[in-house]
N, C-alpha and C. Protein backbone atom coordinates (compact mmCIF):
# COMPACT_ATOMS: atom_id res chain seq x y z
N MET A 1 -6.79 10.18 -11.90
CA MET A 1 -5.45 9.76 -11.56
C MET A 1 -5.43 8.27 -11.21
N LYS A 2 -6.42 7.83 -10.40
CA LYS A 2 -6.47 6.42 -10.03
C LYS A 2 -6.65 5.54 -11.25
N LYS A 3 -7.55 5.95 -12.15
CA LYS A 3 -7.80 5.15 -13.35
C LYS A 3 -6.54 5.05 -14.19
N LEU A 4 -5.78 6.14 -14.27
CA LEU A 4 -4.55 6.14 -15.04
C LEU A 4 -3.53 5.19 -14.43
N LEU A 5 -3.39 5.21 -13.09
CA LEU A 5 -2.45 4.29 -12.44
C LEU A 5 -2.86 2.84 -12.64
N PHE A 6 -4.16 2.55 -12.52
CA PHE A 6 -4.61 1.18 -12.69
C PHE A 6 -4.46 0.70 -14.14
N LEU A 7 -4.34 1.61 -15.08
CA LEU A 7 -4.11 1.26 -16.47
C LEU A 7 -2.62 1.13 -16.78
N VAL A 8 -1.82 2.09 -16.30
CA VAL A 8 -0.39 2.13 -16.63
C VAL A 8 0.39 1.02 -15.93
N ILE A 9 0.13 0.78 -14.65
CA ILE A 9 0.91 -0.19 -13.89
C ILE A 9 0.81 -1.59 -14.48
N PRO A 10 -0.37 -2.14 -14.80
CA PRO A 10 -0.40 -3.47 -15.42
C PRO A 10 0.32 -3.53 -16.77
N ILE A 11 0.22 -2.46 -17.56
CA ILE A 11 0.92 -2.45 -18.85
C ILE A 11 2.42 -2.52 -18.64
N LEU A 12 2.93 -1.75 -17.68
CA LEU A 12 4.36 -1.79 -17.40
C LEU A 12 4.79 -3.14 -16.85
N LEU A 13 3.95 -3.76 -16.02
CA LEU A 13 4.27 -5.08 -15.50
C LEU A 13 4.42 -6.10 -16.62
N VAL A 14 3.48 -6.10 -17.54
CA VAL A 14 3.52 -7.06 -18.64
C VAL A 14 4.70 -6.77 -19.57
N SER A 15 4.95 -5.51 -19.89
CA SER A 15 6.00 -5.17 -20.85
C SER A 15 7.40 -5.33 -20.29
N SER A 16 7.55 -5.31 -18.97
CA SER A 16 8.89 -5.35 -18.42
C SER A 16 9.28 -6.69 -17.82
N THR A 17 8.39 -7.65 -17.80
CA THR A 17 8.71 -8.94 -17.22
C THR A 17 9.72 -9.66 -18.10
N THR A 18 10.88 -9.93 -17.52
CA THR A 18 11.94 -10.62 -18.24
C THR A 18 12.48 -11.72 -17.35
N THR A 19 13.44 -12.46 -17.88
CA THR A 19 14.07 -13.50 -17.06
C THR A 19 15.12 -12.90 -16.14
N LEU A 20 15.46 -11.62 -16.34
CA LEU A 20 16.40 -10.96 -15.46
C LEU A 20 15.70 -10.62 -14.15
N HIS A 21 16.42 -10.72 -13.06
CA HIS A 21 15.86 -10.37 -11.77
C HIS A 21 16.50 -9.10 -11.26
N ALA A 22 15.79 -8.39 -10.42
CA ALA A 22 16.33 -7.18 -9.83
C ALA A 22 17.52 -7.54 -8.96
N GLN A 23 18.62 -6.86 -9.15
CA GLN A 23 19.82 -7.12 -8.36
C GLN A 23 19.98 -6.00 -7.33
N TYR A 24 19.64 -6.27 -6.10
CA TYR A 24 19.78 -5.28 -5.05
C TYR A 24 20.97 -5.64 -4.19
N ASP A 25 21.73 -4.63 -3.82
CA ASP A 25 22.87 -4.83 -2.94
C ASP A 25 22.48 -4.66 -1.49
N TYR A 26 21.23 -4.43 -1.21
CA TYR A 26 20.79 -4.14 0.14
C TYR A 26 19.79 -5.19 0.63
N ASN A 27 19.75 -5.34 1.95
CA ASN A 27 18.82 -6.29 2.55
C ASN A 27 17.58 -5.61 3.12
N TRP A 28 17.72 -4.36 3.54
CA TRP A 28 16.64 -3.65 4.20
C TRP A 28 16.47 -2.25 3.61
N ALA A 29 15.27 -1.73 3.71
CA ALA A 29 14.99 -0.35 3.32
C ALA A 29 13.95 0.21 4.28
N VAL A 30 14.06 1.48 4.58
CA VAL A 30 13.09 2.15 5.44
C VAL A 30 12.71 3.47 4.76
N GLY A 31 11.43 3.81 4.82
CA GLY A 31 11.00 5.01 4.12
C GLY A 31 9.72 5.59 4.66
N PHE A 32 9.26 6.62 3.96
CA PHE A 32 8.03 7.32 4.30
C PHE A 32 7.16 7.40 3.06
N ARG A 33 5.87 7.16 3.23
CA ARG A 33 4.94 7.19 2.10
C ARG A 33 3.82 8.19 2.37
N ILE A 34 3.34 8.80 1.28
CA ILE A 34 2.23 9.75 1.36
C ILE A 34 1.16 9.28 0.39
N GLY A 35 -0.07 9.27 0.84
CA GLY A 35 -1.20 8.81 0.05
C GLY A 35 -2.10 7.99 0.94
N GLU A 36 -2.40 6.80 0.51
CA GLU A 36 -3.16 5.85 1.34
C GLU A 36 -2.32 4.60 1.43
N PRO A 37 -1.59 4.41 2.49
CA PRO A 37 -1.55 5.15 3.75
C PRO A 37 -0.50 6.26 3.76
N VAL A 38 -0.59 7.13 4.78
CA VAL A 38 0.49 8.06 5.12
C VAL A 38 1.19 7.41 6.29
N GLY A 39 2.49 7.15 6.16
CA GLY A 39 3.18 6.53 7.28
C GLY A 39 4.53 5.96 6.94
N LEU A 40 4.96 5.04 7.77
CA LEU A 40 6.27 4.40 7.70
C LEU A 40 6.22 3.16 6.82
N ASN A 41 7.28 2.97 6.03
CA ASN A 41 7.41 1.79 5.19
C ASN A 41 8.72 1.09 5.54
N LEU A 42 8.66 -0.20 5.82
CA LEU A 42 9.84 -1.02 6.10
C LEU A 42 9.83 -2.17 5.11
N ARG A 43 10.95 -2.37 4.39
CA ARG A 43 11.02 -3.42 3.37
C ARG A 43 12.21 -4.32 3.63
N LYS A 44 11.99 -5.63 3.57
CA LYS A 44 13.05 -6.65 3.66
C LYS A 44 13.15 -7.32 2.31
N TYR A 45 14.35 -7.25 1.68
CA TYR A 45 14.60 -7.90 0.39
C TYR A 45 15.08 -9.32 0.63
N PHE A 46 14.64 -10.25 -0.24
CA PHE A 46 15.04 -11.66 -0.17
C PHE A 46 15.74 -12.07 -1.45
N GLN A 47 16.41 -13.20 -1.41
CA GLN A 47 17.08 -13.81 -2.56
C GLN A 47 17.98 -12.80 -3.25
N ASN A 48 17.84 -12.58 -4.52
CA ASN A 48 18.65 -11.62 -5.26
C ASN A 48 17.95 -10.28 -5.41
N GLY A 49 17.05 -9.98 -4.53
CA GLY A 49 16.30 -8.74 -4.63
C GLY A 49 15.03 -8.88 -5.45
N ASP A 50 14.74 -10.09 -5.93
CA ASP A 50 13.54 -10.26 -6.75
C ASP A 50 12.30 -10.56 -5.92
N ARG A 51 12.46 -10.65 -4.62
CA ARG A 51 11.33 -10.82 -3.69
C ARG A 51 11.55 -9.89 -2.50
N ALA A 52 10.47 -9.46 -1.90
CA ALA A 52 10.56 -8.57 -0.74
C ALA A 52 9.30 -8.70 0.09
N PHE A 53 9.39 -8.24 1.32
CA PHE A 53 8.22 -8.17 2.20
C PHE A 53 8.13 -6.75 2.73
N ASP A 54 6.99 -6.11 2.50
CA ASP A 54 6.74 -4.74 2.95
C ASP A 54 5.86 -4.74 4.18
N VAL A 55 6.20 -3.90 5.15
CA VAL A 55 5.34 -3.61 6.28
C VAL A 55 5.07 -2.11 6.25
N ASN A 56 3.81 -1.74 6.21
CA ASN A 56 3.40 -0.34 6.21
C ASN A 56 2.57 -0.07 7.46
N ILE A 57 2.94 0.96 8.18
CA ILE A 57 2.20 1.37 9.37
C ILE A 57 1.86 2.84 9.20
N GLY A 58 0.58 3.16 9.27
CA GLY A 58 0.21 4.56 9.07
C GLY A 58 -1.28 4.79 9.22
N THR A 59 -1.74 5.86 8.59
CA THR A 59 -3.14 6.24 8.69
C THR A 59 -3.98 5.50 7.66
N TYR A 60 -5.25 5.40 7.94
CA TYR A 60 -6.22 4.82 7.02
C TYR A 60 -7.28 5.88 6.80
N GLY A 61 -7.32 6.48 5.61
CA GLY A 61 -8.33 7.49 5.30
C GLY A 61 -7.97 8.90 5.72
N LEU A 62 -6.70 9.24 5.79
CA LEU A 62 -6.34 10.60 6.20
C LEU A 62 -6.44 11.59 5.04
N LEU A 63 -5.84 11.28 3.89
CA LEU A 63 -5.82 12.23 2.78
C LEU A 63 -7.03 12.12 1.87
N TYR A 64 -7.58 10.93 1.70
CA TYR A 64 -8.80 10.77 0.92
C TYR A 64 -9.59 9.61 1.49
N ASN A 65 -10.84 9.49 1.11
CA ASN A 65 -11.76 8.47 1.65
C ASN A 65 -11.97 8.60 3.15
N ASN A 66 -11.88 9.83 3.68
CA ASN A 66 -12.07 9.98 5.11
C ASN A 66 -13.50 10.33 5.50
N ASN A 67 -14.39 10.43 4.52
CA ASN A 67 -15.80 10.68 4.82
C ASN A 67 -16.62 9.95 3.76
N ARG A 68 -16.92 8.67 4.02
CA ARG A 68 -17.67 7.90 3.04
C ARG A 68 -18.61 6.92 3.71
N ARG A 69 -19.59 6.47 2.95
CA ARG A 69 -20.59 5.53 3.46
C ARG A 69 -19.93 4.20 3.79
N TYR A 70 -20.35 3.62 4.92
CA TYR A 70 -19.80 2.34 5.34
C TYR A 70 -20.77 1.66 6.28
N ASN A 71 -21.22 0.46 5.93
CA ASN A 71 -21.95 -0.41 6.86
C ASN A 71 -23.09 0.31 7.59
N ASN A 72 -24.05 0.88 6.84
CA ASN A 72 -25.19 1.61 7.40
C ASN A 72 -24.75 2.78 8.28
N GLY A 73 -23.79 3.50 7.82
CA GLY A 73 -23.29 4.67 8.53
C GLY A 73 -22.21 5.34 7.71
N GLU A 74 -21.29 6.00 8.42
CA GLU A 74 -20.21 6.72 7.74
C GLU A 74 -18.90 6.56 8.49
N TYR A 75 -17.82 6.60 7.73
CA TYR A 75 -16.49 6.84 8.28
C TYR A 75 -16.26 8.33 8.15
N LYS A 76 -15.81 8.99 9.22
CA LYS A 76 -15.58 10.43 9.15
C LYS A 76 -14.19 10.83 9.59
N THR A 77 -13.40 9.93 10.06
CA THR A 77 -12.08 10.27 10.59
C THR A 77 -11.03 9.31 10.06
N ALA A 78 -9.79 9.68 10.24
CA ALA A 78 -8.68 8.79 9.87
C ALA A 78 -8.47 7.78 10.98
N GLY A 79 -7.94 6.62 10.61
CA GLY A 79 -7.65 5.59 11.58
C GLY A 79 -6.24 5.06 11.40
N LEU A 80 -5.94 4.00 12.12
CA LEU A 80 -4.63 3.36 12.07
C LEU A 80 -4.69 2.14 11.17
N MET A 81 -3.64 1.91 10.39
CA MET A 81 -3.58 0.78 9.47
C MET A 81 -2.22 0.10 9.60
N ILE A 82 -2.23 -1.23 9.61
CA ILE A 82 -1.01 -2.04 9.55
C ILE A 82 -1.19 -3.01 8.40
N GLN A 83 -0.20 -3.04 7.52
CA GLN A 83 -0.31 -3.82 6.29
C GLN A 83 0.98 -4.61 6.06
N GLY A 84 0.86 -5.86 5.65
CA GLY A 84 2.01 -6.68 5.27
C GLY A 84 1.78 -7.25 3.88
N ILE A 85 2.76 -7.06 2.97
CA ILE A 85 2.61 -7.50 1.57
C ILE A 85 3.87 -8.21 1.11
N TYR A 86 3.71 -9.40 0.53
CA TYR A 86 4.82 -10.13 -0.10
C TYR A 86 4.90 -9.69 -1.55
N LEU A 87 6.08 -9.23 -1.98
CA LEU A 87 6.24 -8.60 -3.30
C LEU A 87 7.17 -9.38 -4.21
N TYR A 88 6.89 -9.31 -5.51
CA TYR A 88 7.74 -9.85 -6.56
C TYR A 88 8.28 -8.66 -7.36
N HIS A 89 9.60 -8.61 -7.55
CA HIS A 89 10.26 -7.51 -8.27
C HIS A 89 10.78 -7.98 -9.62
N HIS A 90 10.73 -7.09 -10.61
CA HIS A 90 11.32 -7.33 -11.94
C HIS A 90 11.97 -6.03 -12.39
N SER A 91 13.12 -6.15 -13.05
CA SER A 91 13.77 -4.94 -13.56
C SER A 91 12.92 -4.33 -14.66
N LEU A 92 12.94 -3.03 -14.74
CA LEU A 92 12.14 -2.29 -15.72
C LEU A 92 12.93 -2.21 -17.02
N PHE A 93 12.42 -2.84 -18.06
CA PHE A 93 13.06 -2.88 -19.38
C PHE A 93 14.48 -3.44 -19.31
N GLY A 94 14.74 -4.35 -18.36
CA GLY A 94 16.05 -4.98 -18.23
C GLY A 94 17.12 -4.08 -17.66
N LYS A 95 16.76 -2.94 -17.11
CA LYS A 95 17.72 -1.97 -16.56
C LYS A 95 17.67 -1.99 -15.04
N ASP A 96 18.80 -1.58 -14.43
CA ASP A 96 18.89 -1.60 -12.98
C ASP A 96 18.34 -0.33 -12.32
N TRP A 97 18.10 0.73 -13.07
CA TRP A 97 17.65 1.99 -12.50
C TRP A 97 16.18 1.99 -12.10
N GLY A 98 15.42 1.03 -12.56
CA GLY A 98 14.01 0.99 -12.23
C GLY A 98 13.49 -0.43 -12.11
N HIS A 99 12.49 -0.58 -11.29
CA HIS A 99 11.88 -1.89 -11.08
C HIS A 99 10.37 -1.76 -10.99
N VAL A 100 9.68 -2.80 -11.41
CA VAL A 100 8.24 -2.91 -11.16
C VAL A 100 8.06 -3.98 -10.10
N TYR A 101 7.02 -3.85 -9.33
CA TYR A 101 6.73 -4.87 -8.32
C TYR A 101 5.22 -5.02 -8.18
N TYR A 102 4.84 -6.19 -7.70
CA TYR A 102 3.44 -6.49 -7.43
C TYR A 102 3.40 -7.50 -6.31
N GLY A 103 2.31 -7.54 -5.58
CA GLY A 103 2.23 -8.49 -4.49
C GLY A 103 0.89 -8.47 -3.79
N PHE A 104 0.78 -9.40 -2.84
CA PHE A 104 -0.47 -9.60 -2.11
C PHE A 104 -0.16 -9.79 -0.63
N GLY A 105 -1.12 -9.43 0.21
CA GLY A 105 -0.92 -9.57 1.64
C GLY A 105 -2.21 -9.32 2.40
N GLY A 106 -2.05 -8.85 3.63
CA GLY A 106 -3.19 -8.59 4.49
C GLY A 106 -3.09 -7.23 5.15
N GLN A 107 -4.23 -6.76 5.66
CA GLN A 107 -4.29 -5.44 6.26
C GLN A 107 -5.26 -5.45 7.43
N ILE A 108 -4.89 -4.75 8.50
CA ILE A 108 -5.74 -4.56 9.68
C ILE A 108 -5.91 -3.06 9.88
N ASN A 109 -7.15 -2.62 10.12
CA ASN A 109 -7.46 -1.20 10.29
C ASN A 109 -8.23 -0.98 11.59
N SER A 110 -8.05 0.19 12.17
CA SER A 110 -8.85 0.63 13.30
C SER A 110 -9.34 2.04 12.97
N ARG A 111 -10.67 2.22 13.01
CA ARG A 111 -11.24 3.50 12.60
C ARG A 111 -12.59 3.72 13.26
N LYS A 112 -13.00 4.98 13.41
CA LYS A 112 -14.31 5.28 14.00
C LYS A 112 -15.41 5.20 12.95
N HIS A 113 -16.51 4.58 13.35
CA HIS A 113 -17.69 4.39 12.50
C HIS A 113 -18.85 5.13 13.15
N PHE A 114 -19.60 5.87 12.35
CA PHE A 114 -20.74 6.64 12.84
C PHE A 114 -22.01 6.04 12.25
N PRO A 115 -22.66 5.09 12.95
CA PRO A 115 -23.87 4.44 12.42
C PRO A 115 -25.03 5.42 12.27
N ASP A 116 -25.85 5.22 11.23
CA ASP A 116 -27.02 6.07 10.97
C ASP A 116 -28.00 6.05 12.13
N ALA A 117 -28.26 4.89 12.70
CA ALA A 117 -29.28 4.74 13.74
C ALA A 117 -28.91 5.49 15.02
N TRP A 118 -27.64 5.83 15.21
CA TRP A 118 -27.21 6.45 16.46
C TRP A 118 -27.01 7.96 16.35
N ARG A 119 -27.39 8.55 15.27
CA ARG A 119 -27.11 9.97 15.06
C ARG A 119 -27.78 10.87 16.09
N ASN A 120 -28.93 10.48 16.61
CA ASN A 120 -29.65 11.33 17.57
C ASN A 120 -29.53 10.82 19.00
N GLU A 121 -28.65 9.87 19.23
CA GLU A 121 -28.46 9.34 20.57
C GLU A 121 -27.16 9.87 21.15
N SER A 122 -26.92 9.58 22.44
CA SER A 122 -25.73 10.10 23.11
C SER A 122 -24.44 9.43 22.60
N ILE A 123 -24.53 8.19 22.14
CA ILE A 123 -23.36 7.51 21.58
C ILE A 123 -23.25 7.91 20.12
N LYS A 124 -22.18 8.59 19.76
CA LYS A 124 -22.05 9.11 18.40
C LYS A 124 -21.19 8.23 17.50
N SER A 125 -20.23 7.50 18.07
CA SER A 125 -19.35 6.70 17.22
C SER A 125 -18.92 5.42 17.92
N VAL A 126 -18.45 4.48 17.11
CA VAL A 126 -17.96 3.20 17.59
C VAL A 126 -16.63 2.94 16.91
N SER A 127 -15.64 2.50 17.68
CA SER A 127 -14.37 2.12 17.07
C SER A 127 -14.52 0.76 16.42
N LYS A 128 -14.06 0.64 15.19
CA LYS A 128 -14.19 -0.61 14.43
C LYS A 128 -12.80 -1.12 14.07
N ILE A 129 -12.63 -2.42 14.19
CA ILE A 129 -11.43 -3.11 13.70
C ILE A 129 -11.87 -3.86 12.46
N SER A 130 -11.11 -3.72 11.38
CA SER A 130 -11.44 -4.44 10.15
C SER A 130 -10.18 -5.11 9.63
N LEU A 131 -10.39 -6.18 8.86
CA LEU A 131 -9.25 -6.87 8.26
C LEU A 131 -9.66 -7.48 6.94
N GLY A 132 -8.64 -7.67 6.09
CA GLY A 132 -8.90 -8.25 4.78
C GLY A 132 -7.65 -8.31 3.94
N PRO A 133 -7.77 -8.91 2.75
CA PRO A 133 -6.62 -9.01 1.85
C PRO A 133 -6.37 -7.70 1.11
N THR A 134 -5.14 -7.53 0.68
CA THR A 134 -4.76 -6.35 -0.09
C THR A 134 -3.80 -6.75 -1.20
N GLY A 135 -3.83 -6.01 -2.27
CA GLY A 135 -2.91 -6.24 -3.38
C GLY A 135 -2.37 -4.92 -3.86
N THR A 136 -1.16 -4.92 -4.40
CA THR A 136 -0.55 -3.69 -4.86
C THR A 136 0.36 -3.95 -6.05
N ALA A 137 0.61 -2.92 -6.82
CA ALA A 137 1.58 -2.95 -7.92
C ALA A 137 2.19 -1.56 -7.99
N GLY A 138 3.48 -1.51 -8.35
CA GLY A 138 4.12 -0.21 -8.37
C GLY A 138 5.42 -0.16 -9.13
N LEU A 139 5.99 1.02 -9.12
CA LEU A 139 7.27 1.32 -9.77
C LEU A 139 8.23 1.86 -8.73
N GLU A 140 9.50 1.46 -8.84
CA GLU A 140 10.53 1.98 -7.94
C GLU A 140 11.72 2.41 -8.79
N PHE A 141 12.23 3.60 -8.50
CA PHE A 141 13.37 4.15 -9.24
C PHE A 141 14.51 4.45 -8.28
N LYS A 142 15.73 4.08 -8.69
CA LYS A 142 16.90 4.36 -7.87
C LYS A 142 17.28 5.83 -7.99
N LEU A 143 17.65 6.41 -6.85
CA LEU A 143 18.16 7.77 -6.77
C LEU A 143 19.57 7.71 -6.19
N PRO A 144 20.34 8.79 -6.28
CA PRO A 144 21.69 8.78 -5.68
C PRO A 144 21.64 8.59 -4.17
N ASN A 145 22.77 8.21 -3.60
CA ASN A 145 22.95 8.08 -2.15
C ASN A 145 22.04 7.03 -1.52
N ASN A 146 21.90 5.89 -2.17
CA ASN A 146 21.13 4.75 -1.64
C ASN A 146 19.65 5.05 -1.44
N MET A 147 19.13 6.04 -2.12
CA MET A 147 17.72 6.40 -2.00
C MET A 147 16.93 5.79 -3.15
N GLY A 148 15.65 5.65 -2.94
CA GLY A 148 14.75 5.17 -3.97
C GLY A 148 13.41 5.90 -3.88
N PHE A 149 12.80 6.13 -5.02
CA PHE A 149 11.49 6.78 -5.11
C PHE A 149 10.50 5.76 -5.63
N PHE A 150 9.30 5.70 -5.06
CA PHE A 150 8.32 4.71 -5.51
C PHE A 150 6.94 5.32 -5.64
N LEU A 151 6.16 4.73 -6.54
CA LEU A 151 4.74 5.02 -6.74
C LEU A 151 4.03 3.68 -6.81
N ASP A 152 2.95 3.53 -6.07
CA ASP A 152 2.20 2.28 -6.18
C ASP A 152 0.72 2.51 -5.98
N GLY A 153 -0.04 1.54 -6.43
CA GLY A 153 -1.48 1.58 -6.30
C GLY A 153 -2.01 0.18 -6.09
N GLY A 154 -3.11 0.09 -5.41
CA GLY A 154 -3.69 -1.22 -5.15
C GLY A 154 -5.08 -1.09 -4.57
N VAL A 155 -5.52 -2.18 -3.99
CA VAL A 155 -6.87 -2.21 -3.44
C VAL A 155 -6.88 -3.06 -2.17
N TYR A 156 -7.71 -2.63 -1.22
CA TYR A 156 -7.98 -3.38 0.01
C TYR A 156 -9.42 -3.86 -0.07
N LEU A 157 -9.64 -5.15 0.14
CA LEU A 157 -10.97 -5.74 0.12
C LEU A 157 -11.27 -6.24 1.52
N GLU A 158 -12.16 -5.55 2.20
CA GLU A 158 -12.46 -5.91 3.59
C GLU A 158 -13.17 -7.26 3.65
N ALA A 159 -12.72 -8.10 4.58
CA ALA A 159 -13.36 -9.40 4.81
C ALA A 159 -14.24 -9.34 6.06
N LEU A 160 -13.78 -8.68 7.11
CA LEU A 160 -14.51 -8.53 8.36
C LEU A 160 -14.40 -7.10 8.84
N PRO A 161 -15.41 -6.48 9.36
CA PRO A 161 -16.76 -6.94 9.58
C PRO A 161 -17.71 -6.66 8.41
N SER A 162 -17.26 -5.97 7.37
CA SER A 162 -18.14 -5.63 6.25
C SER A 162 -17.58 -6.22 4.95
N PRO A 163 -17.90 -7.50 4.66
CA PRO A 163 -17.32 -8.17 3.49
C PRO A 163 -17.54 -7.40 2.19
N PHE A 164 -16.51 -7.40 1.36
CA PHE A 164 -16.50 -6.81 0.02
C PHE A 164 -16.50 -5.28 0.00
N PHE A 165 -16.22 -4.63 1.13
CA PHE A 165 -16.02 -3.18 1.14
C PHE A 165 -14.66 -2.91 0.50
N LEU A 166 -14.64 -2.14 -0.59
CA LEU A 166 -13.40 -1.87 -1.33
C LEU A 166 -12.84 -0.49 -0.98
N ASN A 167 -11.52 -0.42 -0.89
CA ASN A 167 -10.86 0.86 -0.69
C ASN A 167 -9.62 0.90 -1.58
N GLY A 168 -9.59 1.83 -2.52
CA GLY A 168 -8.42 2.01 -3.37
C GLY A 168 -7.29 2.65 -2.58
N GLN A 169 -6.06 2.24 -2.89
CA GLN A 169 -4.90 2.76 -2.17
C GLN A 169 -3.83 3.17 -3.17
N VAL A 170 -3.54 4.45 -3.24
CA VAL A 170 -2.52 4.98 -4.13
C VAL A 170 -1.57 5.82 -3.29
N SER A 171 -0.27 5.60 -3.44
CA SER A 171 0.68 6.38 -2.66
C SER A 171 2.03 6.44 -3.36
N GLY A 172 2.86 7.31 -2.87
CA GLY A 172 4.22 7.46 -3.34
C GLY A 172 5.10 7.79 -2.16
N GLY A 173 6.39 7.62 -2.34
CA GLY A 173 7.27 7.92 -1.23
C GLY A 173 8.73 7.77 -1.58
N ILE A 174 9.52 7.87 -0.54
CA ILE A 174 10.96 7.76 -0.69
C ILE A 174 11.47 6.75 0.32
N ARG A 175 12.49 6.00 -0.07
CA ARG A 175 12.99 4.91 0.75
C ARG A 175 14.52 4.98 0.78
N LEU A 176 15.11 4.74 1.94
CA LEU A 176 16.56 4.66 2.10
C LEU A 176 16.94 3.19 2.20
N ASN A 177 17.78 2.72 1.27
CA ASN A 177 18.25 1.33 1.29
C ASN A 177 19.45 1.23 2.23
N ILE A 178 19.37 0.31 3.19
CA ILE A 178 20.42 0.18 4.21
C ILE A 178 20.84 -1.26 4.37
N ILE A 179 21.90 -1.49 5.10
CA ILE A 179 22.45 -2.80 5.47
C ILE A 179 22.75 -3.66 4.24
N LYS A 180 24.00 -3.66 3.83
CA LYS A 180 24.44 -4.48 2.70
C LYS A 180 24.62 -5.91 3.13
């Protein structure tokens, strides 16, 4: 599924890029996403709707990647994630019912780490804070009653404390467009 999303989304981005910009009648949107992360999504639209800023607050590693090797140990639990991404929007095939978007930003995570060396000692885990850049691309479709459905995928590249640790992020959700 991840490979398919990473193949389809760039093709749609290239095929749908036009000189037309997404025309949104709304300034703000609030929604819920499921995947990586699971949580709240808040979006602020700028200009004519062709730019936006997303803030995502939710879990890190709840539905998948919750038990994997990391920094001479393992992650075994879900953590908290805060993400901010600046997005560029384009209408899908020149139509107003769908849009593609892509963007870049940053992410901060808090999660428990279980180092290998401590497995037989009284201290079993350490809370870790990590941060790094993130990128995403996705599709958004308009639904009736000011609602929107979205699917997106991207990657988080940890900078600190474990440089170049990659985590794929795929999610979908629903968003309510508010405040004209």
